[in-house]
Amino acid sequence: MSAVLPAPVSVSASGDPEPVDLAAVTALFEPRVIAAQAHTGELDFAQLPEPTRRLLRGYTAPLRRETFTAGRLAAARATAALTGMPRWLSADARGAPSWPYGVAGSLSHTNRVALCVTGPADGVGLGIDIEPLETGAELLSALHYVCTPEERERLRDVPDPARAVLRLFCVKEALYKALPPDTQDGVSFQSVDLEWEEPRAGRDPGEPVLLRVARGPAPGTEGRCAVVGSRMIAAVALRRPPDSRTRPERTGPDRARPEPRLDPSIPQDGQQT
């Protein structure tokens, strides 16, 4: 389903003064991706297409509706920039976003902004996570949940444990999203052990930090994490085995569907990437 998208705004109706720097987001990924954002309050839940609204069954809290709407709007903008056609995402049997054929994508949101990255599938799974920086201090009280024993031992010696544990949390979230759905069962914060080199004192917080999967699914996979404004953003691009399934021949309207593309001149949410 496609629809006319509302024009992007720089400040949300909820008063968020800080749009995400999309160029900084795309710089975290290789291969290159398209990024888009949407703020809570830009679009009302009732303005979503009816099949999209049905994905939230029963009563949902107002904030959940706002973040869900922002996420779907960000995804529609990102898929429009990639394929020339906005797509309002459905959901798979697990409730996760279902991406159009040939498109890899990932969504994340805070209470005020949703972020989406997309690219041609091409055997790559994408994962993105965005968290407010203040979340790091909260995570210090949940180290036994977020970190493995080896990670907790390393955190003893870092100068800023709140920032370090936030990086671990974000990369594990992004890795989970990048995994093929049929391999996500059983994956937890404790089943993924990450290695990293702690940034030196005085280093630009916007410079990416690399974290590597030492144990867990997709060992050797690297995630990149950086401070972007007042938020931490993590990115994972995971190479997947080629899909052996045969693509059905397109018929009817699908025959004219544009193929995914990456065009650096496409404006996304008011920014060039």
C-alpha atoms as a PDB file:
ATOM      1  CA  MET A   1       0.000   0.000   0.000  1.00  0.00           C
ATOM      2  CA  SER A   2       1.309   3.453  -0.846  1.00  0.00           C
ATOM      3  CA  ALA A   3       0.108   6.858   0.222  1.00  0.00           C
ATOM      4  CA  VAL A   4       1.054  10.518   0.005  1.00  0.00           C
ATOM      5  CA  LEU A   5       3.504  11.202   2.814  1.00  0.00           C
ATOM      6  CA  PRO A   6       3.326  14.338   4.955  1.00  0.00           C
ATOM      7  CA  ALA A   7       6.157  16.805   4.452  1.00  0.00           C
ATOM      8  CA  PRO A   8       8.995  16.266   6.960  1.00  0.00           C
ATOM      9  CA  VAL A   9       9.336  18.700   9.846  1.00  0.00           C
ATOM     10  CA  SER A  10      12.434  19.644  11.790  1.00  0.00           C
ATOM     11  CA  VAL A  11      10.757  19.846  15.179  1.00  0.00           C
ATOM     12  CA  SER A  12       8.069  17.460  16.325  1.00  0.00           C
ATOM     13  CA  ALA A  13       4.769  18.405  17.855  1.00  0.00           C
ATOM     14  CA  SER A  14       6.123  16.907  21.084  1.00  0.00           C
ATOM     15  CA  GLY A  15       8.783  19.610  21.159  1.00  0.00           C
ATOM     16  CA  ASP A  16      11.903  17.628  20.251  1.00  0.00           C
ATOM     17  CA  PRO A  17      14.448  20.307  19.271  1.00  0.00           C
ATOM     18  CA  GLU A  18      17.028  17.919  17.860  1.00  0.00           C
ATOM     19  CA  PRO A  19      16.501  16.054  14.589  1.00  0.00           C
ATOM     20  CA  VAL A  20      18.876  13.141  14.025  1.00  0.00           C
ATOM     21  CA  ASP A  21      21.866  13.873  11.795  1.00  0.00           C
ATOM     22  CA  LEU A  22      21.134  11.336   9.057  1.00  0.00           C
ATOM     23  CA  ALA A  23      24.545  11.753   7.442  1.00  0.00           C
ATOM     24  CA  ALA A  24      26.116  10.593  10.711  1.00  0.00           C
ATOM     25  CA  VAL A  25      23.792   7.583  10.731  1.00  0.00           C
ATOM     26  CA  THR A  26      24.573   6.461   7.185  1.00  0.00           C
ATOM     27  CA  ALA A  27      28.307   6.884   7.875  1.00  0.00           C
ATOM     28  CA  LEU A  28      28.057   4.058  10.421  1.00  0.00           C
ATOM     29  CA  PHE A  29      27.050   1.528   7.766  1.00  0.00           C
ATOM     30  CA  GLU A  30      28.909  -0.350   5.080  1.00  0.00           C
ATOM     31  CA  PRO A  31      27.475  -1.030   2.539  1.00  0.00           C
ATOM     32  CA  ARG A  32      25.799   2.337   2.210  1.00  0.00           C
ATOM     33  CA  VAL A  33      22.206   2.718   3.352  1.00  0.00           C
ATOM     34  CA  ILE A  34      19.407   5.252   3.198  1.00  0.00           C
ATOM     35  CA  ALA A  35      18.216   6.718   6.495  1.00  0.00           C
ATOM     36  CA  ALA A  36      15.008   8.539   7.362  1.00  0.00           C
ATOM     37  CA  GLN A  37      13.444   9.810  10.547  1.00  0.00           C
ATOM     38  CA  ALA A  38      10.057  10.850  11.874  1.00  0.00           C
ATOM     39  CA  HIS A  39       9.096  12.570  15.094  1.00  0.00           C
ATOM     40  CA  THR A  40       6.216  11.686  17.355  1.00  0.00           C
ATOM     41  CA  GLY A  41       3.360  14.035  16.634  1.00  0.00           C
ATOM     42  CA  GLU A  42       4.130  14.479  12.932  1.00  0.00           C
ATOM     43  CA  LEU A  43       1.338  12.100  11.956  1.00  0.00           C
ATOM     44  CA  ASP A  44      -1.650  11.013  13.975  1.00  0.00           C
ATOM     45  CA  PHE A  45      -2.278   7.297  14.448  1.00  0.00           C
ATOM     46  CA  ALA A  46      -5.713   7.722  12.851  1.00  0.00           C
ATOM     47  CA  GLN A  47      -4.030   8.955   9.653  1.00  0.00           C
ATOM     48  CA  LEU A  48      -2.210   5.669   9.097  1.00  0.00           C
ATOM     49  CA  PRO A  49      -3.703   3.305   6.497  1.00  0.00           C
ATOM     50  CA  GLU A  50      -6.309   1.078   8.090  1.00  0.00           C
ATOM     51  CA  PRO A  51      -4.342  -2.201   7.602  1.00  0.00           C
ATOM     52  CA  THR A  52      -1.392  -0.580   9.390  1.00  0.00           C
ATOM     53  CA  ARG A  53      -3.550   0.544  12.305  1.00  0.00           C
ATOM     54  CA  ARG A  54      -4.852  -3.008  12.702  1.00  0.00           C
ATOM     55  CA  LEU A  55      -1.342  -4.154  13.631  1.00  0.00           C
ATOM     56  CA  LEU A  56      -1.904  -2.615  17.074  1.00  0.00           C
ATOM     57  CA  ARG A  57      -4.721  -4.790  18.351  1.00  0.00           C
ATOM     58  CA  GLY A  58      -6.750  -3.848  21.389  1.00  0.00           C
ATOM     59  CA  TYR A  59      -5.889  -1.025  23.752  1.00  0.00           C
ATOM     60  CA  THR A  60      -2.458   0.526  23.452  1.00  0.00           C
ATOM     61  CA  ALA A  61      -1.063   3.413  25.491  1.00  0.00           C
ATOM     62  CA  PRO A  62      -0.955   6.790  23.722  1.00  0.00           C
ATOM     63  CA  LEU A  63       2.860   6.862  23.749  1.00  0.00           C
ATOM     64  CA  ARG A  64       2.992   3.428  22.105  1.00  0.00           C
ATOM     65  CA  ARG A  65       0.683   4.642  19.355  1.00  0.00           C
ATOM     66  CA  GLU A  66       2.843   7.726  18.835  1.00  0.00           C
ATOM     67  CA  THR A  67       6.105   5.784  18.549  1.00  0.00           C
ATOM     68  CA  PHE A  68       4.491   3.126  16.346  1.00  0.00           C
ATOM     69  CA  THR A  69       3.167   5.841  14.016  1.00  0.00           C
ATOM     70  CA  ALA A  70       6.535   7.594  13.894  1.00  0.00           C
ATOM     71  CA  GLY A  71       8.266   4.302  13.097  1.00  0.00           C
ATOM     72  CA  ARG A  72       5.901   3.489  10.240  1.00  0.00           C
ATOM     73  CA  LEU A  73       6.257   7.024   8.863  1.00  0.00           C
ATOM     74  CA  ALA A  74      10.063   6.831   8.993  1.00  0.00           C
ATOM     75  CA  ALA A  75       9.929   3.474   7.194  1.00  0.00           C
ATOM     76  CA  ALA A  76       7.589   4.860   4.525  1.00  0.00           C
ATOM     77  CA  ARG A  77      10.019   7.712   3.889  1.00  0.00           C
ATOM     78  CA  ALA A  78      13.017   5.387   3.738  1.00  0.00           C
ATOM     79  CA  THR A  79      11.359   2.902   1.374  1.00  0.00           C
ATOM     80  CA  ALA A  80      10.167   5.769  -0.837  1.00  0.00           C
ATOM     81  CA  ALA A  81      13.726   7.078  -1.093  1.00  0.00           C
ATOM     82  CA  LEU A  82      15.043   3.595  -1.868  1.00  0.00           C
ATOM     83  CA  THR A  83      12.443   2.301  -4.321  1.00  0.00           C
ATOM     84  CA  GLY A  84      10.504   5.358  -5.446  1.00  0.00           C
ATOM     85  CA  MET A  85       7.385   4.030  -3.711  1.00  0.00           C
ATOM     86  CA  PRO A  86       6.481   4.566  -0.021  1.00  0.00           C
ATOM     87  CA  ARG A  87       5.540   1.344   1.736  1.00  0.00           C
ATOM     88  CA  TRP A  88       3.531   1.175   4.930  1.00  0.00           C
ATOM     89  CA  LEU A  89       5.076  -1.838   6.631  1.00  0.00           C
ATOM     90  CA  SER A  90       3.059  -4.839   7.699  1.00  0.00           C
ATOM     91  CA  ALA A  91       4.306  -7.307  10.319  1.00  0.00           C
ATOM     92  CA  ASP A  92       5.456 -10.909  10.229  1.00  0.00           C
ATOM     93  CA  ALA A  93       4.127 -13.733  12.394  1.00  0.00           C
ATOM     94  CA  ARG A  94       6.431 -12.635  15.223  1.00  0.00           C
ATOM     95  CA  GLY A  95       5.207  -9.044  15.110  1.00  0.00           C
ATOM     96  CA  ALA A  96       8.433  -7.682  13.628  1.00  0.00           C
ATOM     97  CA  PRO A  97       8.291  -5.255  10.673  1.00  0.00           C
ATOM     98  CA  SER A  98       7.899  -7.038   7.333  1.00  0.00           C
ATOM     99  CA  TRP A  99       9.985  -5.416   4.598  1.00  0.00           C
ATOM    100  CA  PRO A 100       9.145  -5.395   0.878  1.00  0.00           C
ATOM    101  CA  TYR A 101      10.820  -8.057  -1.248  1.00  0.00           C
ATOM    102  CA  GLY A 102      14.377  -7.057  -2.091  1.00  0.00           C
ATOM    103  CA  VAL A 103      14.593  -4.480   0.714  1.00  0.00           C
ATOM    104  CA  ALA A 104      16.601  -4.820   3.913  1.00  0.00           C
ATOM    105  CA  GLY A 105      15.636  -2.507   6.722  1.00  0.00           C
ATOM    106  CA  SER A 106      15.635  -1.819  10.422  1.00  0.00           C
ATOM    107  CA  LEU A 107      13.701   0.441  12.782  1.00  0.00           C
ATOM    108  CA  SER A 108      14.406   1.935  16.181  1.00  0.00           C
ATOM    109  CA  HIS A 109      12.846   4.712  18.220  1.00  0.00           C
ATOM    110  CA  THR A 110      13.024   6.738  21.385  1.00  0.00           C
ATOM    111  CA  ASN A 111       9.977   8.382  22.920  1.00  0.00           C
ATOM    112  CA  ARG A 112      10.394  11.318  20.529  1.00  0.00           C
ATOM    113  CA  VAL A 113      11.977  10.179  17.288  1.00  0.00           C
ATOM    114  CA  ALA A 114      11.958   7.079  15.088  1.00  0.00           C
ATOM    115  CA  LEU A 115      14.861   6.141  12.854  1.00  0.00           C
ATOM    116  CA  CYS A 116      14.806   3.800   9.852  1.00  0.00           C
ATOM    117  CA  VAL A 117      17.569   2.528   7.586  1.00  0.00           C
ATOM    118  CA  THR A 118      17.009   0.655   4.327  1.00  0.00           C
ATOM    119  CA  GLY A 119      19.072  -0.769   1.500  1.00  0.00           C
ATOM    120  CA  PRO A 120      18.887  -3.452  -1.185  1.00  0.00           C
ATOM    121  CA  ALA A 121      18.740  -6.852   0.508  1.00  0.00           C
ATOM    122  CA  ASP A 122      21.635  -8.411  -1.471  1.00  0.00           C
ATOM    123  CA  GLY A 123      22.332 -10.927   1.296  1.00  0.00           C
ATOM    124  CA  VAL A 124      22.699  -8.220   3.973  1.00  0.00           C
ATOM    125  CA  GLY A 125      20.711  -7.833   7.173  1.00  0.00           C
ATOM    126  CA  LEU A 126      20.584  -4.378   8.756  1.00  0.00           C
ATOM    127  CA  GLY A 127      20.269  -3.492  12.426  1.00  0.00           C
ATOM    128  CA  ILE A 128      19.898  -0.041  13.993  1.00  0.00           C
ATOM    129  CA  ASP A 129      19.397   1.094  17.570  1.00  0.00           C
ATOM    130  CA  ILE A 130      18.982   4.588  19.010  1.00  0.00           C
ATOM    131  CA  GLU A 131      18.962   5.408  22.721  1.00  0.00           C
ATOM    132  CA  PRO A 132      19.090   8.648  24.740  1.00  0.00           C
ATOM    133  CA  LEU A 133      22.497   9.077  26.366  1.00  0.00           C
ATOM    134  CA  GLU A 134      20.951   9.195  29.837  1.00  0.00           C
ATOM    135  CA  THR A 135      19.908   5.555  29.397  1.00  0.00           C
ATOM    136  CA  GLY A 136      23.507   4.566  30.151  1.00  0.00           C
ATOM    137  CA  ALA A 137      23.230   5.573  33.813  1.00  0.00           C
ATOM    138  CA  GLU A 138      20.034   3.537  34.133  1.00  0.00           C
ATOM    139  CA  LEU A 139      21.707   0.474  32.620  1.00  0.00           C
ATOM    140  CA  LEU A 140      24.400   0.486  35.316  1.00  0.00           C
ATOM    141  CA  SER A 141      21.811  -0.961  37.681  1.00  0.00           C
ATOM    142  CA  ALA A 142      21.100  -3.788  35.221  1.00  0.00           C
ATOM    143  CA  LEU A 143      24.629  -4.935  34.350  1.00  0.00           C
ATOM    144  CA  HIS A 144      23.864  -8.573  35.154  1.00  0.00           C
ATOM    145  CA  TYR A 145      21.059  -8.449  32.601  1.00  0.00           C
ATOM    146  CA  VAL A 146      22.843  -6.542  29.826  1.00  0.00           C
ATOM    147  CA  CYS A 147      26.434  -7.778  30.151  1.00  0.00           C
ATOM    148  CA  THR A 148      28.222 -11.109  30.202  1.00  0.00           C
ATOM    149  CA  PRO A 149      30.662 -11.812  33.061  1.00  0.00           C
ATOM    150  CA  GLU A 150      33.568 -11.039  30.712  1.00  0.00           C
ATOM    151  CA  GLU A 151      32.040  -7.698  29.737  1.00  0.00           C
ATOM    152  CA  ARG A 152      31.354  -6.783  33.358  1.00  0.00           C
ATOM    153  CA  GLU A 153      34.975  -7.493  34.196  1.00  0.00           C
ATOM    154  CA  ARG A 154      36.145  -5.171  31.431  1.00  0.00           C
ATOM    155  CA  LEU A 155      33.787  -2.432  32.585  1.00  0.00           C
ATOM    156  CA  ARG A 156      35.627  -2.258  35.914  1.00  0.00           C
ATOM    157  CA  ASP A 157      38.525  -0.466  34.230  1.00  0.00           C
ATOM    158  CA  VAL A 158      36.782   1.938  31.862  1.00  0.00           C
ATOM    159  CA  PRO A 159      36.648   5.666  32.701  1.00  0.00           C
ATOM    160  CA  ASP A 160      32.970   6.054  31.737  1.00  0.00           C
ATOM    161  CA  PRO A 161      31.102   2.821  32.492  1.00  0.00           C
ATOM    162  CA  ALA A 162      27.687   4.359  31.756  1.00  0.00           C
ATOM    163  CA  ARG A 163      28.735   5.247  28.224  1.00  0.00           C
ATOM    164  CA  ALA A 164      30.441   1.867  27.746  1.00  0.00           C
ATOM    165  CA  VAL A 165      27.443  -0.202  28.867  1.00  0.00           C
ATOM    166  CA  LEU A 166      25.177   1.874  26.640  1.00  0.00           C
ATOM    167  CA  ARG A 167      27.360   0.963  23.649  1.00  0.00           C
ATOM    168  CA  LEU A 168      27.100  -2.716  24.561  1.00  0.00           C
ATOM    169  CA  PHE A 169      23.330  -2.489  24.900  1.00  0.00           C
ATOM    170  CA  CYS A 170      22.881  -0.658  21.597  1.00  0.00           C
ATOM    171  CA  VAL A 171      25.088  -2.978  19.555  1.00  0.00           C
ATOM    172  CA  LYS A 172      23.403  -6.090  20.944  1.00  0.00           C
ATOM    173  CA  GLU A 173      20.010  -4.631  20.060  1.00  0.00           C
ATOM    174  CA  ALA A 174      21.191  -3.792  16.532  1.00  0.00           C
ATOM    175  CA  LEU A 175      22.770  -7.234  16.075  1.00  0.00           C
ATOM    176  CA  TYR A 176      19.524  -8.968  17.030  1.00  0.00           C
ATOM    177  CA  LYS A 177      17.605  -6.974  14.422  1.00  0.00           C
ATOM    178  CA  ALA A 178      20.187  -7.776  11.730  1.00  0.00           C
ATOM    179  CA  LEU A 179      19.962 -11.540  12.298  1.00  0.00           C
ATOM    180  CA  PRO A 180      17.718 -13.651  10.056  1.00  0.00           C
ATOM    181  CA  PRO A 181      14.370 -14.095  11.839  1.00  0.00           C
ATOM    182  CA  ASP A 182      14.758 -17.873  12.021  1.00  0.00           C
ATOM    183  CA  THR A 183      17.982 -17.480  14.055  1.00  0.00           C
ATOM    184  CA  GLN A 184      16.713 -14.938  16.611  1.00  0.00           C
ATOM    185  CA  ASP A 185      15.091 -17.437  18.975  1.00  0.00           C
ATOM    186  CA  GLY A 186      17.154 -17.868  22.116  1.00  0.00           C
ATOM    187  CA  VAL A 187      19.366 -14.851  21.469  1.00  0.00           C
ATOM    188  CA  SER A 188      19.694 -12.715  24.596  1.00  0.00           C
ATOM    189  CA  PHE A 189      22.015 -10.099  26.041  1.00  0.00           C
ATOM    190  CA  GLN A 190      23.811 -12.898  27.877  1.00  0.00           C
ATOM    191  CA  SER A 191      24.294 -15.040  24.775  1.00  0.00           C
ATOM    192  CA  VAL A 192      26.272 -12.316  22.973  1.00  0.00           C
ATOM    193  CA  ASP A 193      29.727 -11.398  24.246  1.00  0.00           C
ATOM    194  CA  LEU A 194      31.345  -8.319  22.712  1.00  0.00           C
ATOM    195  CA  GLU A 195      34.962  -7.204  22.557  1.00  0.00           C
ATOM    196  CA  TRP A 196      35.980  -3.597  22.067  1.00  0.00           C
ATOM    197  CA  GLU A 197      38.797  -1.120  22.501  1.00  0.00           C
ATOM    198  CA  GLU A 198      37.781   1.610  24.904  1.00  0.00           C
ATOM    199  CA  PRO A 199      38.119   5.109  23.355  1.00  0.00           C
ATOM    200  CA  ARG A 200      40.997   7.197  24.634  1.00  0.00           C
ATOM    201  CA  ALA A 201      40.293  10.200  26.848  1.00  0.00           C
ATOM    202  CA  GLY A 202      39.393  13.325  24.902  1.00  0.00           C
ATOM    203  CA  ARG A 203      38.354  11.469  21.780  1.00  0.00           C
ATOM    204  CA  ASP A 204      35.483  12.958  19.785  1.00  0.00           C
ATOM    205  CA  PRO A 205      32.363  11.071  21.003  1.00  0.00           C
ATOM    206  CA  GLY A 206      30.999  11.246  17.470  1.00  0.00           C
ATOM    207  CA  GLU A 207      33.871   9.087  16.223  1.00  0.00           C
ATOM    208  CA  PRO A 208      32.578   5.516  15.854  1.00  0.00           C
ATOM    209  CA  VAL A 209      33.654   2.798  18.269  1.00  0.00           C
ATOM    210  CA  LEU A 210      33.922  -0.732  16.866  1.00  0.00           C
ATOM    211  CA  LEU A 211      32.578  -3.647  18.882  1.00  0.00           C
ATOM    212  CA  ARG A 212      33.086  -7.228  17.721  1.00  0.00           C
ATOM    213  CA  VAL A 213      31.071 -10.374  18.473  1.00  0.00           C
ATOM    214  CA  ALA A 214      33.464 -12.681  20.337  1.00  0.00           C
ATOM    215  CA  ARG A 215      30.811 -15.240  21.275  1.00  0.00           C
ATOM    216  CA  GLY A 216      27.265 -15.708  20.103  1.00  0.00           C
ATOM    217  CA  PRO A 217      25.462 -15.604  16.771  1.00  0.00           C
ATOM    218  CA  ALA A 218      27.490 -14.396  13.796  1.00  0.00           C
ATOM    219  CA  PRO A 219      30.878 -14.406  15.578  1.00  0.00           C
ATOM    220  CA  GLY A 220      33.298 -11.876  14.167  1.00  0.00           C
ATOM    221  CA  THR A 221      30.515  -9.494  13.150  1.00  0.00           C
ATOM    222  CA  GLU A 222      31.317  -5.864  13.905  1.00  0.00           C
ATOM    223  CA  GLY A 223      28.964  -3.183  15.143  1.00  0.00           C
ATOM    224  CA  ARG A 224      29.702   0.520  15.016  1.00  0.00           C
ATOM    225  CA  CYS A 225      28.494   2.861  17.706  1.00  0.00           C
ATOM    226  CA  ALA A 226      28.699   6.652  17.982  1.00  0.00           C
ATOM    227  CA  VAL A 227      27.218   9.554  19.871  1.00  0.00           C
ATOM    228  CA  VAL A 228      25.000  11.577  17.543  1.00  0.00           C
ATOM    229  CA  GLY A 229      23.784  14.693  19.319  1.00  0.00           C
ATOM    230  CA  SER A 230      22.184  13.623  22.593  1.00  0.00           C
ATOM    231  CA  ARG A 231      21.745   9.999  21.523  1.00  0.00           C
ATOM    232  CA  MET A 232      23.768   6.840  21.059  1.00  0.00           C
ATOM    233  CA  ILE A 233      23.293   5.085  17.734  1.00  0.00           C
ATOM    234  CA  ALA A 234      24.534   1.600  16.854  1.00  0.00           C
ATOM    235  CA  ALA A 235      24.696   0.034  13.406  1.00  0.00           C
ATOM    236  CA  VAL A 236      25.198  -3.558  12.263  1.00  0.00           C
ATOM    237  CA  ALA A 237      25.320  -4.785   8.666  1.00  0.00           C
ATOM    238  CA  LEU A 238      25.351  -8.581   8.711  1.00  0.00           C
ATOM    239  CA  ARG A 239      26.193 -10.676   5.685  1.00  0.00           C
ATOM    240  CA  ARG A 240      23.685 -13.488   5.259  1.00  0.00           C
ATOM    241  CA  PRO A 241      23.870 -16.656   3.145  1.00  0.00           C
ATOM    242  CA  PRO A 242      22.242 -16.280  -0.290  1.00  0.00           C
ATOM    243  CA  ASP A 243      18.506 -16.954  -0.286  1.00  0.00           C
ATOM    244  CA  SER A 244      17.955 -20.185  -2.195  1.00  0.00           C
ATOM    245  CA  ARG A 245      14.260 -19.537  -2.687  1.00  0.00           C
ATOM    246  CA  THR A 246      13.172 -18.784  -6.224  1.00  0.00           C
ATOM    247  CA  ARG A 247      11.616 -15.395  -6.710  1.00  0.00           C
ATOM    248  CA  PRO A 248       8.125 -15.708  -8.194  1.00  0.00           C
ATOM    249  CA  GLU A 249       7.606 -14.116 -11.579  1.00  0.00           C
ATOM    250  CA  ARG A 250       5.991 -10.697 -11.302  1.00  0.00           C
ATOM    251  CA  THR A 251       2.549 -10.324 -12.764  1.00  0.00           C
ATOM    252  CA  GLY A 252       0.042  -7.511 -12.982  1.00  0.00           C
ATOM    253  CA  PRO A 253       0.945  -4.248 -11.207  1.00  0.00           C
ATOM    254  CA  ASP A 254       4.037  -5.806  -9.631  1.00  0.00           C
ATOM    255  CA  ARG A 255       5.737  -5.996 -13.032  1.00  0.00           C
ATOM    256  CA  ALA A 256       6.240  -2.239 -12.979  1.00  0.00           C
ATOM    257  CA  ARG A 257       7.494  -2.022  -9.396  1.00  0.00           C
ATOM    258  CA  PRO A 258      10.812  -0.124  -9.256  1.00  0.00           C
ATOM    259  CA  GLU A 259      13.854  -2.031  -8.131  1.00  0.00           C
ATOM    260  CA  PRO A 260      15.598  -0.845  -4.941  1.00  0.00           C
ATOM    261  CA  ARG A 261      18.195   1.813  -5.621  1.00  0.00           C
ATOM    262  CA  LEU A 262      20.728   3.871  -3.748  1.00  0.00           C
ATOM    263  CA  ASP A 263      20.886   7.402  -5.089  1.00  0.00           C
ATOM    264  CA  PRO A 264      23.002   9.819  -3.025  1.00  0.00           C
ATOM    265  CA  SER A 265      21.092  12.771  -4.448  1.00  0.00           C
ATOM    266  CA  ILE A 266      17.751  11.717  -2.964  1.00  0.00           C
ATOM    267  CA  PRO A 267      16.705  14.095  -0.166  1.00  0.00           C
ATOM    268  CA  GLN A 268      15.581  12.271   2.958  1.00  0.00           C
ATOM    269  CA  ASP A 269      13.785  14.074   5.751  1.00  0.00           C
ATOM    270  CA  GLY A 270      15.280  17.332   4.557  1.00  0.00           C
ATOM    271  CA  GLN A 271      18.871  16.038   4.510  1.00  0.00           C
ATOM    272  CA  GLN A 272      21.124  14.724   1.774  1.00  0.00           C
ATOM    273  CA  THR A 273      23.047  11.499   2.389  1.00  0.00           C
END
